[in-house]
C-alpha cells in the first residue's frame, strides 16, 4: 500500500539523516535492549540469594566464634574470682584458728570444737 496513508518508517533501525555514510555507531537500538544485555550479564537472582546466604552464614560463624571466645574469657575471670574468694576464706579461717590457738587454755567447749575443726580443715589430721 503506497500512498499518503503509508508509514514513513521503513522499519530500518538506522538513524534518519542526510548522509549516506552510516556507521555502526549511528545505529539506534530498540529501547530496552541495552538493559536486557545488562540483566543477562548479572548473576541470576538464585545465585545472588546463595551468595547472600553464604555471606550471612559466614557472619554468623564469625559471631559464634567471638561469642565462644568471650564466654571462655568470662569463665576464666569467674574462676579467678572464685579462687580469690576461696583464698580469702582460707585466710580468715587461718586467722580464727590462730586467735583460738593463742588462748587455747581459756577456750570453752564450743571454741575448743571450733579450734579442732579448723585445725583439721586447714592442716589435716
Protein backbone atom coordinates (compact mmCIF):
# COMPACT_ATOMS: atom_id res chain seq x y z
CA UNK A 1 0.00 0.00 0.00
CA UNK A 2 1.73 3.09 -1.24
CA UNK A 3 0.27 6.47 -0.72
CA UNK A 4 -0.43 9.16 1.79
CA UNK A 5 -1.56 6.71 4.46
CA UNK A 6 1.62 4.66 4.24
CA UNK A 7 4.02 4.80 7.13
CA UNK A 8 7.08 6.97 6.85
CA UNK A 9 9.17 4.37 8.61
CA UNK A 10 10.69 1.68 6.54
CA UNK A 11 11.42 -0.40 9.62
CA UNK A 12 15.09 0.47 9.46
CA UNK A 13 16.87 0.82 12.74
CA UNK A 14 19.22 3.37 11.32
CA UNK A 15 19.22 6.93 12.35
CA UNK A 16 17.48 9.07 9.88
CA UNK A 17 19.85 11.62 8.49
CA UNK A 18 21.08 13.45 5.49
CA UNK A 19 24.17 11.36 4.71
CA UNK A 20 24.60 8.02 3.13
CA UNK A 21 27.68 7.32 5.33
CA UNK A 22 26.13 5.50 8.23
CA UNK A 23 28.48 3.75 10.60
CA UNK A 24 27.72 1.14 13.22
CA UNK A 25 27.88 3.80 15.94
CA UNK A 26 24.89 5.54 14.44
CA UNK A 27 22.63 2.51 14.79
CA UNK A 28 19.73 3.02 17.11
CA UNK A 29 18.96 0.02 19.20
CA UNK A 30 15.42 -0.73 20.22
CA UNK A 31 14.66 0.66 23.64
CA UNK A 32 15.36 -1.84 26.42
CA UNK A 33 17.89 -3.90 24.52
CA UNK A 34 20.86 -2.49 26.47
CA UNK A 35 19.03 -3.12 29.71
CA UNK A 36 18.34 -6.70 28.64
CA UNK A 37 22.02 -7.23 27.94
CA UNK A 38 22.94 -5.83 31.34
CA UNK A 39 20.48 -8.17 33.02
CA UNK A 40 21.93 -11.12 31.14
CA UNK A 41 25.39 -10.26 32.44
CA UNK A 42 24.21 -10.04 36.05
CA UNK A 43 24.22 -13.20 38.13
CA UNK A 44 20.85 -14.79 38.47
CA UNK A 45 18.72 -13.94 41.46
CA UNK A 46 19.16 -17.51 42.70
CA UNK A 47 22.92 -17.09 42.59
CA UNK A 48 22.65 -13.76 44.40
CA UNK A 49 20.43 -15.40 47.01
CA UNK A 50 23.01 -18.14 47.53
CA UNK A 51 25.74 -15.54 47.85
CA UNK A 52 23.72 -13.63 50.42
CA UNK A 53 23.03 -16.83 52.38
CA UNK A 54 26.73 -17.75 52.31
CA UNK A 55 27.68 -14.28 53.48
CA UNK A 56 25.15 -14.35 56.33
CA UNK A 57 26.29 -17.85 57.34
CA UNK A 58 29.90 -16.66 57.35
CA UNK A 59 28.98 -13.69 59.55
CA UNK A 60 27.07 -15.94 61.93
CA UNK A 61 30.01 -18.33 62.16
CA UNK A 62 32.40 -15.49 62.97
CA UNK A 63 29.99 -14.09 65.57
CA UNK A 64 29.57 -17.54 67.12
CA UNK A 65 33.35 -17.93 67.42
CA UNK A 66 33.61 -14.47 69.01
CA UNK A 67 30.84 -15.41 71.44
CA UNK A 68 32.61 -18.64 72.39
CA UNK A 69 35.82 -16.70 72.97
CA UNK A 70 34.02 -14.16 75.16
CA UNK A 71 32.35 -16.95 77.15
CA UNK A 72 35.74 -18.58 77.68
CA UNK A 73 37.16 -15.30 78.93
CA UNK A 74 34.19 -14.81 81.26
CA UNK A 75 34.56 -18.34 82.61
CA UNK A 76 38.25 -17.78 83.24
CA UNK A 77 37.51 -14.49 85.04
CA UNK A 78 34.84 -16.19 87.16
CA UNK A 79 37.28 -18.97 88.08
CA UNK A 80 39.85 -16.39 89.15
CA UNK A 81 37.26 -14.62 91.31
CA UNK A 82 36.21 -17.92 92.88
CA UNK A 83 39.82 -18.83 93.56
CA UNK A 84 40.44 -15.43 95.19
CA UNK A 85 37.34 -15.88 97.33
CA UNK A 86 38.49 -19.33 98.44
CA UNK A 87 41.88 -17.90 99.40
CA UNK A 88 40.19 -15.11 101.35
CA UNK A 89 38.04 -17.66 103.23
CA UNK A 90 41.10 -19.80 103.97
CA UNK A 91 42.97 -16.74 105.28
CA UNK A 92 40.03 -15.82 107.52
CA UNK A 93 39.85 -19.38 108.87
CA UNK A 94 43.60 -19.33 109.49
CA UNK A 95 43.20 -16.08 111.40
CA UNK A 96 40.38 -17.56 113.50
CA UNK A 97 42.42 -20.69 114.23
CA UNK A 98 45.44 -18.58 115.23
CA UNK A 99 43.31 -16.44 117.57
CA UNK A 100 41.81 -19.55 119.19
CA UNK A 101 45.23 -21.20 119.42
CA UNK A 102 46.62 -18.14 121.29
CA UNK A 103 44.18 -18.67 124.15
CA UNK A 104 43.89 -22.44 123.97
CA UNK A 105 43.70 -22.93 127.74
CA UNK A 106 40.82 -20.44 128.13
CA UNK A 107 38.55 -21.95 125.46
CA UNK A 108 35.09 -23.21 126.36
CA UNK A 109 33.72 -26.41 124.86
CA UNK A 110 32.27 -24.73 121.71
CA UNK A 111 35.51 -22.84 120.99
CA UNK A 112 37.60 -26.00 121.50
CA UNK A 113 35.43 -27.85 119.00
CA UNK A 114 35.77 -24.94 116.53
CA UNK A 115 39.56 -24.90 117.05
CA UNK A 116 39.75 -28.64 116.38
CA UNK A 117 37.56 -28.42 113.23
CA UNK A 118 39.63 -25.52 111.86
CA UNK A 119 42.86 -27.38 112.56
CA UNK A 120 41.61 -30.48 110.71
CA UNK A 121 40.27 -28.41 107.80
CA UNK A 122 43.40 -26.29 107.46
CA UNK A 123 46.16 -28.77 108.25
CA UNK A 124 44.60 -32.21 108.03
CA UNK A 125 44.75 -34.67 110.93
